[in-house]
Amino acid sequence: AELGPDADPFMLHLYAALAEKERALISARTRDALKAAKANG
């Protein structure tokens, strides 16, 4: 519904891939931040 009736399978795959990539980046940034915090004591 939020994408409209013309979103074809290619678009659905694309949106899903972008969302998956965003989650991976957030997870990586969180791990890096925790590592940096631990290194700083």
All heavy atoms as atom14 arrays in JSON, in Angstrom:
{
  "sequence": "AELGPDADPFMLHLYAALAEKERALISARTRDALKAAKANG",
  "atom14_mask": [
    [1, 1, 1, 1, 1, 0, 0, 0, 0, 0, 0, 0, 0, 0],
    [1, 1, 1, 1, 1, 1, 1, 1, 1, 0, 0, 0, 0, 0],
    [1, 1, 1, 1, 1, 1, 1, 1, 0, 0, 0, 0, 0, 0],
    [1, 1, 1, 1, 0, 0, 0, 0, 0, 0, 0, 0, 0, 0],
    [1, 1, 1, 1, 1, 1, 1, 0, 0, 0, 0, 0, 0, 0],
    [1, 1, 1, 1, 1, 1, 1, 1, 0, 0, 0, 0, 0, 0],
    [1, 1, 1, 1, 1, 0, 0, 0, 0, 0, 0, 0, 0, 0],
    [1, 1, 1, 1, 1, 1, 1, 1, 0, 0, 0, 0, 0, 0],
    [1, 1, 1, 1, 1, 1, 1, 0, 0, 0, 0, 0, 0, 0],
    [1, 1, 1, 1, 1, 1, 1, 1, 1, 1, 1, 0, 0, 0],
    [1, 1, 1, 1, 1, 1, 1, 1, 0, 0, 0, 0, 0, 0],
    [1, 1, 1, 1, 1, 1, 1, 1, 0, 0, 0, 0, 0, 0],
    [1, 1, 1, 1, 1, 1, 1, 1, 1, 1, 0, 0, 0, 0],
    [1, 1, 1, 1, 1, 1, 1, 1, 0, 0, 0, 0, 0, 0],
    [1, 1, 1, 1, 1, 1, 1, 1, 1, 1, 1, 1, 0, 0],
    [1, 1, 1, 1, 1, 0, 0, 0, 0, 0, 0, 0, 0, 0],
    [1, 1, 1, 1, 1, 0, 0, 0, 0, 0, 0, 0, 0, 0],
    [1, 1, 1, 1, 1, 1, 1, 1, 0, 0, 0, 0, 0, 0],
    [1, 1, 1, 1, 1, 0, 0, 0, 0, 0, 0, 0, 0, 0],
    [1, 1, 1, 1, 1, 1, 1, 1, 1, 0, 0, 0, 0, 0],
    [1, 1, 1, 1, 1, 1, 1, 1, 1, 0, 0, 0, 0, 0],
    [1, 1, 1, 1, 1, 1, 1, 1, 1, 0, 0, 0, 0, 0],
    [1, 1, 1, 1, 1, 1, 1, 1, 1, 1, 1, 0, 0, 0],
    [1, 1, 1, 1, 1, 0, 0, 0, 0, 0, 0, 0, 0, 0],
    [1, 1, 1, 1, 1, 1, 1, 1, 0, 0, 0, 0, 0, 0],
    [1, 1, 1, 1, 1, 1, 1, 1, 0, 0, 0, 0, 0, 0],
    [1, 1, 1, 1, 1, 1, 0, 0, 0, 0, 0, 0, 0, 0],
    [1, 1, 1, 1, 1, 0, 0, 0, 0, 0, 0, 0, 0, 0],
    [1, 1, 1, 1, 1, 1, 1, 1, 1, 1, 1, 0, 0, 0],
    [1, 1, 1, 1, 1, 1, 1, 0, 0, 0, 0, 0, 0, 0],
    [1, 1, 1, 1, 1, 1, 1, 1, 1, 1, 1, 0, 0, 0],
    [1, 1, 1, 1, 1, 1, 1, 1, 0, 0, 0, 0, 0, 0],
    [1, 1, 1, 1, 1, 0, 0, 0, 0, 0, 0, 0, 0, 0],
    [1, 1, 1, 1, 1, 1, 1, 1, 0, 0, 0, 0, 0, 0],
    [1, 1, 1, 1, 1, 1, 1, 1, 1, 0, 0, 0, 0, 0],
    [1, 1, 1, 1, 1, 0, 0, 0, 0, 0, 0, 0, 0, 0],
    [1, 1, 1, 1, 1, 0, 0, 0, 0, 0, 0, 0, 0, 0],
    [1, 1, 1, 1, 1, 1, 1, 1, 1, 0, 0, 0, 0, 0],
    [1, 1, 1, 1, 1, 0, 0, 0, 0, 0, 0, 0, 0, 0],
    [1, 1, 1, 1, 1, 1, 1, 1, 0, 0, 0, 0, 0, 0],
    [1, 1, 1, 1, 0, 0, 0, 0, 0, 0, 0, 0, 0, 0]
  ],
  "atom14_positions": [
    [[0.81, -1.22, 0.0], [0.0, 0.0, 0.0], [0.85, 1.27, 0.0], [0.57, 2.21, -0.74], [-0.95, -0.01, 1.2], [0.0, 0.0, 0.0], [0.0, 0.0, 0.0], [0.0, 0.0, 0.0], [0.0, 0.0, 0.0], [0.0, 0.0, 0.0], [0.0, 0.0, 0.0], [0.0, 0.0, 0.0], [0.0, 0.0, 0.0], [0.0, 0.0, 0.0]],
    [[1.9, 1.31, 0.81], [2.69, 2.54, 0.91], [3.51, 2.82, -0.35], [3.95, 3.94, -0.57], [3.61, 2.5, 2.13], [4.79, 1.58, 2.01], [5.8, 1.8, 3.14], [5.61, 2.72, 3.94], [6.78, 1.03, 3.2], [0.0, 0.0, 0.0], [0.0, 0.0, 0.0], [0.0, 0.0, 0.0], [0.0, 0.0, 0.0], [0.0, 0.0, 0.0]],
    [[3.72, 1.78, -1.19], [4.49, 1.96, -2.43], [3.6, 2.2, -3.64], [4.08, 2.59, -4.7], [5.38, 0.74, -2.68], [6.42, 0.42, -1.6], [7.21, -0.83, -1.99], [7.35, 1.6, -1.37], [0.0, 0.0, 0.0], [0.0, 0.0, 0.0], [0.0, 0.0, 0.0], [0.0, 0.0, 0.0], [0.0, 0.0, 0.0], [0.0, 0.0, 0.0]],
    [[2.29, 1.94, -3.5], [1.37, 2.13, -4.62], [1.19, 0.88, -5.45], [1.95, -0.09, -5.31], [0.0, 0.0, 0.0], [0.0, 0.0, 0.0], [0.0, 0.0, 0.0], [0.0, 0.0, 0.0], [0.0, 0.0, 0.0], [0.0, 0.0, 0.0], [0.0, 0.0, 0.0], [0.0, 0.0, 0.0], [0.0, 0.0, 0.0], [0.0, 0.0, 0.0]],
    [[0.22, 0.86, -6.34], [-0.13, -0.35, -7.09], [0.86, -0.71, -8.19], [0.81, -1.81, -8.74], [-1.5, -0.01, -7.68], [-1.47, 1.48, -7.84], [-0.66, 1.99, -6.67], [0.0, 0.0, 0.0], [0.0, 0.0, 0.0], [0.0, 0.0, 0.0], [0.0, 0.0, 0.0], [0.0, 0.0, 0.0], [0.0, 0.0, 0.0], [0.0, 0.0, 0.0]],
    [[1.76, 0.2, -8.54], [2.65, -0.03, -9.68], [4.03, -0.55, -9.29], [4.91, -0.67, -10.14], [2.82, 1.27, -10.49], [1.5, 1.78, -11.03], [0.67, 0.92, -11.44], [1.27, 3.0, -11.04], [0.0, 0.0, 0.0], [0.0, 0.0, 0.0], [0.0, 0.0, 0.0], [0.0, 0.0, 0.0], [0.0, 0.0, 0.0], [0.0, 0.0, 0.0]],
    [[4.22, -0.85, -8.03], [5.53, -1.38, -7.59], [5.65, -2.83, -8.04], [4.96, -3.71, -7.53], [5.65, -1.27, -6.08], [0.0, 0.0, 0.0], [0.0, 0.0, 0.0], [0.0, 0.0, 0.0], [0.0, 0.0, 0.0], [0.0, 0.0, 0.0], [0.0, 0.0, 0.0], [0.0, 0.0, 0.0], [0.0, 0.0, 0.0], [0.0, 0.0, 0.0]],
    [[6.53, -3.08, -9.01], [6.68, -4.43, -9.54], [7.67, -5.24, -8.69], [8.28, -4.71, -7.76], [7.14, -4.37, -11.01], [8.45, -3.61, -11.18], [9.22, -3.51, -10.21], [8.7, -3.1, -12.29], [0.0, 0.0, 0.0], [0.0, 0.0, 0.0], [0.0, 0.0, 0.0], [0.0, 0.0, 0.0], [0.0, 0.0, 0.0], [0.0, 0.0, 0.0]],
    [[7.83, -6.55, -8.99], [8.75, -7.38, -8.19], [10.16, -6.83, -8.1], [10.82, -6.93, -7.06], [8.72, -8.73, -8.92], [7.36, -8.77, -9.54], [7.06, -7.36, -9.94], [0.0, 0.0, 0.0], [0.0, 0.0, 0.0], [0.0, 0.0, 0.0], [0.0, 0.0, 0.0], [0.0, 0.0, 0.0], [0.0, 0.0, 0.0], [0.0, 0.0, 0.0]],
    [[10.67, -6.22, -9.18], [12.01, -5.65, -9.15], [12.1, -4.55, -8.09], [13.06, -4.49, -7.32], [12.38, -5.08, -10.52], [13.68, -4.31, -10.51], [14.9, -4.99, -10.5], [13.69, -2.93, -10.51], [16.1, -4.29, -10.47], [14.89, -2.22, -10.49], [16.09, -2.91, -10.48], [0.0, 0.0, 0.0], [0.0, 0.0, 0.0], [0.0, 0.0, 0.0]],
    [[11.09, -3.69, -8.03], [11.09, -2.61, -7.05], [11.01, -3.17, -5.63], [11.66, -2.67, -4.71], [9.93, -1.65, -7.31], [10.09, -0.79, -8.54], [8.69, 0.31, -8.78], [8.78, 1.33, -7.32], [0.0, 0.0, 0.0], [0.0, 0.0, 0.0], [0.0, 0.0, 0.0], [0.0, 0.0, 0.0], [0.0, 0.0, 0.0], [0.0, 0.0, 0.0]],
    [[10.2, -4.21, -5.44], [10.09, -4.81, -4.11], [11.43, -5.39, -3.66], [11.82, -5.23, -2.5], [9.01, -5.9, -4.11], [7.58, -5.45, -4.43], [6.62, -6.62, -4.27], [7.15, -4.3, -3.53], [0.0, 0.0, 0.0], [0.0, 0.0, 0.0], [0.0, 0.0, 0.0], [0.0, 0.0, 0.0], [0.0, 0.0, 0.0], [0.0, 0.0, 0.0]],
    [[12.12, -6.06, -4.57], [13.45, -6.58, -4.24], [14.41, -5.43, -3.9], [15.21, -5.53, -2.97], [14.02, -7.37, -5.43], [13.52, -8.76, -5.53], [12.44, -9.12, -6.33], [13.9, -9.9, -4.91], [12.21, -10.41, -6.21], [13.07, -10.9, -5.36], [0.0, 0.0, 0.0], [0.0, 0.0, 0.0], [0.0, 0.0, 0.0], [0.0, 0.0, 0.0]],
    [[14.32, -4.35, -4.67], [15.21, -3.21, -4.46], [14.98, -2.57, -3.09], [15.94, -2.32, -2.34], [15.0, -2.18, -5.57], [15.88, -0.93, -5.52], [17.35, -1.32, -5.61], [15.51, 0.02, -6.65], [0.0, 0.0, 0.0], [0.0, 0.0, 0.0], [0.0, 0.0, 0.0], [0.0, 0.0, 0.0], [0.0, 0.0, 0.0], [0.0, 0.0, 0.0]],
    [[13.72, -2.33, -2.75], [13.42, -1.73, -1.45], [13.86, -2.65, -0.31], [14.4, -2.19, 0.7], [11.91, -1.45, -1.33], [11.47, -0.18, -2.01], [10.7, -0.22, -3.16], [11.82, 1.07, -1.49], [10.29, 0.96, -3.79], [11.41, 2.23, -2.11], [10.66, 2.18, -3.26], [10.26, 3.33, -3.88], [0.0, 0.0, 0.0], [0.0, 0.0, 0.0]],
    [[13.64, -3.96, -0.48], [14.05, -4.91, 0.56], [15.57, -4.91, 0.71], [16.1, -4.97, 1.82], [13.54, -6.31, 0.23], [0.0, 0.0, 0.0], [0.0, 0.0, 0.0], [0.0, 0.0, 0.0], [0.0, 0.0, 0.0], [0.0, 0.0, 0.0], [0.0, 0.0, 0.0], [0.0, 0.0, 0.0], [0.0, 0.0, 0.0], [0.0, 0.0, 0.0]],
    [[16.28, -4.86, -0.42], [17.75, -4.86, -0.37], [18.27, -3.6, 0.31], [19.23, -3.65, 1.1], [18.31, -4.96, -1.79], [0.0, 0.0, 0.0], [0.0, 0.0, 0.0], [0.0, 0.0, 0.0], [0.0, 0.0, 0.0], [0.0, 0.0, 0.0], [0.0, 0.0, 0.0], [0.0, 0.0, 0.0], [0.0, 0.0, 0.0], [0.0, 0.0, 0.0]],
    [[17.65, -2.46, 0.03], [18.08, -1.21, 0.66], [17.85, -1.26, 2.17], [18.7, -0.82, 2.95], [17.32, -0.03, 0.04], [17.7, 0.33, -1.39], [16.74, 1.39, -1.95], [19.14, 0.84, -1.46], [0.0, 0.0, 0.0], [0.0, 0.0, 0.0], [0.0, 0.0, 0.0], [0.0, 0.0, 0.0], [0.0, 0.0, 0.0], [0.0, 0.0, 0.0]],
    [[16.7, -1.8, 2.57], [16.4, -1.9, 4.0], [17.38, -2.84, 4.69], [17.85, -2.58, 5.8], [14.96, -2.4, 4.19], [0.0, 0.0, 0.0], [0.0, 0.0, 0.0], [0.0, 0.0, 0.0], [0.0, 0.0, 0.0], [0.0, 0.0, 0.0], [0.0, 0.0, 0.0], [0.0, 0.0, 0.0], [0.0, 0.0, 0.0], [0.0, 0.0, 0.0]],
    [[17.72, -3.95, 4.01], [18.66, -4.9, 4.59], [20.05, -4.28, 4.74], [20.74, -4.47, 5.74], [18.73, -6.14, 3.7], [19.45, -7.32, 4.34], [19.33, -8.58, 3.51], [18.33, -9.3, 3.66], [20.24, -8.83, 2.7], [0.0, 0.0, 0.0], [0.0, 0.0, 0.0], [0.0, 0.0, 0.0], [0.0, 0.0, 0.0], [0.0, 0.0, 0.0]],
    [[20.47, -3.51, 3.72], [21.76, -2.84, 3.77], [21.8, -1.82, 4.9], [22.79, -1.7, 5.63], [22.03, -2.16, 2.44], [23.38, -1.44, 2.36], [24.54, -2.4, 2.49], [25.87, -1.72, 2.28], [27.02, -2.62, 2.48], [0.0, 0.0, 0.0], [0.0, 0.0, 0.0], [0.0, 0.0, 0.0], [0.0, 0.0, 0.0], [0.0, 0.0, 0.0]],
    [[20.72, -1.09, 5.08], [20.66, -0.08, 6.14], [20.79, -0.73, 7.51], [21.52, -0.24, 8.38], [19.34, 0.68, 6.05], [19.21, 1.78, 7.11], [17.87, 2.46, 7.06], [16.95, 1.95, 6.41], [17.73, 3.52, 7.7], [0.0, 0.0, 0.0], [0.0, 0.0, 0.0], [0.0, 0.0, 0.0], [0.0, 0.0, 0.0], [0.0, 0.0, 0.0]],
    [[20.13, -1.88, 7.7], [20.23, -2.58, 8.98], [21.66, -3.06, 9.23], [22.16, -3.0, 10.35], [19.26, -3.77, 9.02], [17.81, -3.38, 9.15], [16.95, -4.59, 9.51], [17.15, -5.7, 8.59], [16.54, -5.82, 7.44], [15.7, -4.89, 7.04], [16.75, -6.88, 6.66], [0.0, 0.0, 0.0], [0.0, 0.0, 0.0], [0.0, 0.0, 0.0]],
    [[22.32, -3.55, 8.16], [23.7, -4.01, 8.29], [24.63, -2.86, 8.68], [25.53, -3.03, 9.52], [24.17, -4.66, 6.99], [0.0, 0.0, 0.0], [0.0, 0.0, 0.0], [0.0, 0.0, 0.0], [0.0, 0.0, 0.0], [0.0, 0.0, 0.0], [0.0, 0.0, 0.0], [0.0, 0.0, 0.0], [0.0, 0.0, 0.0], [0.0, 0.0, 0.0]],
    [[24.42, -1.68, 8.08], [25.25, -0.52, 8.4], [25.05, -0.08, 9.84], [26.0, 0.25, 10.55], [24.93, 0.63, 7.44], [25.39, 0.43, 5.99], [24.86, 1.56, 5.11], [26.91, 0.36, 5.9], [0.0, 0.0, 0.0], [0.0, 0.0, 0.0], [0.0, 0.0, 0.0], [0.0, 0.0, 0.0], [0.0, 0.0, 0.0], [0.0, 0.0, 0.0]],
    [[23.78, -0.09, 10.29], [23.49, 0.29, 11.68], [24.16, -0.67, 12.65], [24.77, -0.28, 13.65], [21.97, 0.32, 11.92], [21.33, 1.5, 11.15], [21.65, 0.44, 13.41], [19.83, 1.49, 11.16], [0.0, 0.0, 0.0], [0.0, 0.0, 0.0], [0.0, 0.0, 0.0], [0.0, 0.0, 0.0], [0.0, 0.0, 0.0], [0.0, 0.0, 0.0]],
    [[24.09, -1.97, 12.33], [24.72, -2.98, 13.18], [26.23, -2.79, 13.24], [26.85, -2.88, 14.31], [24.37, -4.38, 12.64], [25.0, -5.37, 13.42], [0.0, 0.0, 0.0], [0.0, 0.0, 0.0], [0.0, 0.0, 0.0], [0.0, 0.0, 0.0], [0.0, 0.0, 0.0], [0.0, 0.0, 0.0], [0.0, 0.0, 0.0], [0.0, 0.0, 0.0]],
    [[26.84, -2.51, 12.07], [28.29, -2.31, 12.02], [28.7, -1.08, 12.81], [29.7, -1.1, 13.54], [28.74, -2.18, 10.57], [0.0, 0.0, 0.0], [0.0, 0.0, 0.0], [0.0, 0.0, 0.0], [0.0, 0.0, 0.0], [0.0, 0.0, 0.0], [0.0, 0.0, 0.0], [0.0, 0.0, 0.0], [0.0, 0.0, 0.0], [0.0, 0.0, 0.0]],
    [[27.94, 0.0, 12.69], [28.26, 1.23, 13.43], [28.13, 1.0, 14.93], [28.92, 1.53, 15.72], [27.33, 2.37, 12.98], [27.7, 2.94, 11.61], [27.03, 4.27, 11.39], [25.58, 4.15, 11.28], [24.92, 4.01, 10.14], [25.58, 3.96, 8.99], [23.61, 3.92, 10.12], [0.0, 0.0, 0.0], [0.0, 0.0, 0.0], [0.0, 0.0, 0.0]],
    [[27.13, 0.21, 15.34], [26.96, -0.09, 16.77], [28.15, -0.88, 17.29], [28.68, -0.58, 18.37], [25.65, -0.88, 16.99], [24.54, -0.12, 16.51], [25.46, -1.2, 18.46], [0.0, 0.0, 0.0], [0.0, 0.0, 0.0], [0.0, 0.0, 0.0], [0.0, 0.0, 0.0], [0.0, 0.0, 0.0], [0.0, 0.0, 0.0], [0.0, 0.0, 0.0]],
    [[28.59, -1.88, 16.53], [29.75, -2.68, 16.96], [31.01, -1.81, 17.06], [31.78, -1.93, 18.01], [29.98, -3.83, 15.97], [28.97, -4.97, 16.08], [29.49, -6.22, 15.37], [29.78, -5.95, 13.96], [28.9, -6.08, 12.98], [27.66, -6.47, 13.27], [29.24, -5.84, 11.73], [0.0, 0.0, 0.0], [0.0, 0.0, 0.0], [0.0, 0.0, 0.0]],
    [[31.19, -0.94, 16.08], [32.37, -0.06, 16.1], [32.35, 0.88, 17.31], [33.38, 1.13, 17.94], [32.44, 0.76, 14.81], [32.77, -0.1, 13.6], [33.24, -1.25, 13.8], [32.54, 0.35, 12.46], [0.0, 0.0, 0.0], [0.0, 0.0, 0.0], [0.0, 0.0, 0.0], [0.0, 0.0, 0.0], [0.0, 0.0, 0.0], [0.0, 0.0, 0.0]],
    [[31.15, 1.39, 17.61], [31.02, 2.31, 18.74], [31.33, 1.59, 20.06], [31.99, 2.14, 20.95], [29.62, 2.9, 18.77], [0.0, 0.0, 0.0], [0.0, 0.0, 0.0], [0.0, 0.0, 0.0], [0.0, 0.0, 0.0], [0.0, 0.0, 0.0], [0.0, 0.0, 0.0], [0.0, 0.0, 0.0], [0.0, 0.0, 0.0], [0.0, 0.0, 0.0]],
    [[30.85, 0.36, 20.2], [31.12, -0.41, 21.41], [32.61, -0.72, 21.54], [33.18, -0.68, 22.63], [30.31, -1.72, 21.39], [28.8, -1.56, 21.57], [28.1, -2.9, 21.37], [28.47, -0.99, 22.94], [0.0, 0.0, 0.0], [0.0, 0.0, 0.0], [0.0, 0.0, 0.0], [0.0, 0.0, 0.0], [0.0, 0.0, 0.0], [0.0, 0.0, 0.0]],
    [[33.24, -1.05, 20.39], [34.68, -1.32, 20.4], [35.47, -0.1, 20.85], [36.39, -0.18, 21.65], [35.11, -1.71, 18.98], [35.63, -3.13, 18.88], [36.14, -3.39, 17.48], [35.49, -4.65, 16.99], [35.97, -5.06, 15.66], [0.0, 0.0, 0.0], [0.0, 0.0, 0.0], [0.0, 0.0, 0.0], [0.0, 0.0, 0.0], [0.0, 0.0, 0.0]],
    [[35.09, 1.06, 20.3], [35.78, 2.3, 20.64], [35.59, 2.63, 22.12], [36.52, 3.07, 22.8], [35.27, 3.44, 19.77], [0.0, 0.0, 0.0], [0.0, 0.0, 0.0], [0.0, 0.0, 0.0], [0.0, 0.0, 0.0], [0.0, 0.0, 0.0], [0.0, 0.0, 0.0], [0.0, 0.0, 0.0], [0.0, 0.0, 0.0], [0.0, 0.0, 0.0]],
    [[34.39, 2.42, 22.63], [34.11, 2.7, 24.03], [34.94, 1.81, 24.94], [35.51, 2.25, 25.94], [32.62, 2.52, 24.32], [0.0, 0.0, 0.0], [0.0, 0.0, 0.0], [0.0, 0.0, 0.0], [0.0, 0.0, 0.0], [0.0, 0.0, 0.0], [0.0, 0.0, 0.0], [0.0, 0.0, 0.0], [0.0, 0.0, 0.0], [0.0, 0.0, 0.0]],
    [[35.03, 0.52, 24.57], [35.82, -0.42, 25.37], [37.3, -0.04, 25.35], [37.99, -0.12, 26.38], [35.62, -1.84, 24.81], [36.21, -2.92, 25.7], [35.87, -4.31, 25.17], [36.42, -5.39, 26.09], [36.08, -6.75, 25.59], [0.0, 0.0, 0.0], [0.0, 0.0, 0.0], [0.0, 0.0, 0.0], [0.0, 0.0, 0.0], [0.0, 0.0, 0.0]],
    [[37.8, 0.38, 24.17], [39.2, 0.79, 24.06], [39.5, 2.01, 24.91], [40.63, 2.21, 25.38], [39.54, 1.08, 22.6], [0.0, 0.0, 0.0], [0.0, 0.0, 0.0], [0.0, 0.0, 0.0], [0.0, 0.0, 0.0], [0.0, 0.0, 0.0], [0.0, 0.0, 0.0], [0.0, 0.0, 0.0], [0.0, 0.0, 0.0], [0.0, 0.0, 0.0]],
    [[38.5, 2.86, 25.15], [38.67, 4.07, 25.96], [38.42, 3.81, 27.45], [38.33, 4.75, 28.24], [37.73, 5.17, 25.46], [38.15, 5.71, 24.11], [39.35, 5.73, 23.79], [37.18, 6.15, 23.32], [0.0, 0.0, 0.0], [0.0, 0.0, 0.0], [0.0, 0.0, 0.0], [0.0, 0.0, 0.0], [0.0, 0.0, 0.0], [0.0, 0.0, 0.0]],
    [[38.27, 2.54, 27.8], [38.14, 2.2, 29.21], [36.72, 2.19, 29.74], [36.51, 2.05, 30.94], [0.0, 0.0, 0.0], [0.0, 0.0, 0.0], [0.0, 0.0, 0.0], [0.0, 0.0, 0.0], [0.0, 0.0, 0.0], [0.0, 0.0, 0.0], [0.0, 0.0, 0.0], [0.0, 0.0, 0.0], [0.0, 0.0, 0.0], [0.0, 0.0, 0.0]]
  ]
}
